[in-house]
């Protein structure tokens, strides 16, 4: 039995394309899982015609490629726009909050707004629909759940770049830098005070 499909001839669940035999595919003719491309027999591909996994390119029999017609797994990949050994990236610890932001959320009919029901009438068949989230808001919520140690784990990732991270997530996670205000003056109740650092006393 198949459930929650918006396409046709699907034998898996949560497919929005056609002729999928896996699960959670948004493309067509996939036999793997979670593919957004077409005609993939691997899993989590956004490209087409891949028999490997997690490819964004096409016709790959290996894994993790953004190019086409590759049969071997790459030793290096780009992280934060820098070419780095994949083994180094794999060894680096990554905090859970990085995995919390989600581009979409499955919404049941009870949670859908009237506007959403009018825009996506197929919810009656699929028992809900995939709501597209504001990713910057998703990142903000994930960041608020993180401890300082978990934020530092991100800063310590191989090739980490503050500007690249902020461009993608909208988050500036630079460590707080407190300005040295010693020697400056402040007026309180008409009295002028000179600020000093604690260690000056």
Foldseek 3Di string as FASTA:
>chain_A
DEALECEECECYYCEPYECEPYYCEPEYNEPEENEPEYNEPEYCEPEHPEPEYNEPEHCEPYHDYPYHDHDDDDQWDDDLNDTDGPVLQVPQDADPLVVQQDQWDWDAPVRDDPVVCVVCVCCVRRRTDIHGDDRLVRSVVSVVPDDLVNLVSQVPGPPDDQVSVCVVRVDRSDDDDDDDQAQPWDADPNDIDGDHDPVVD
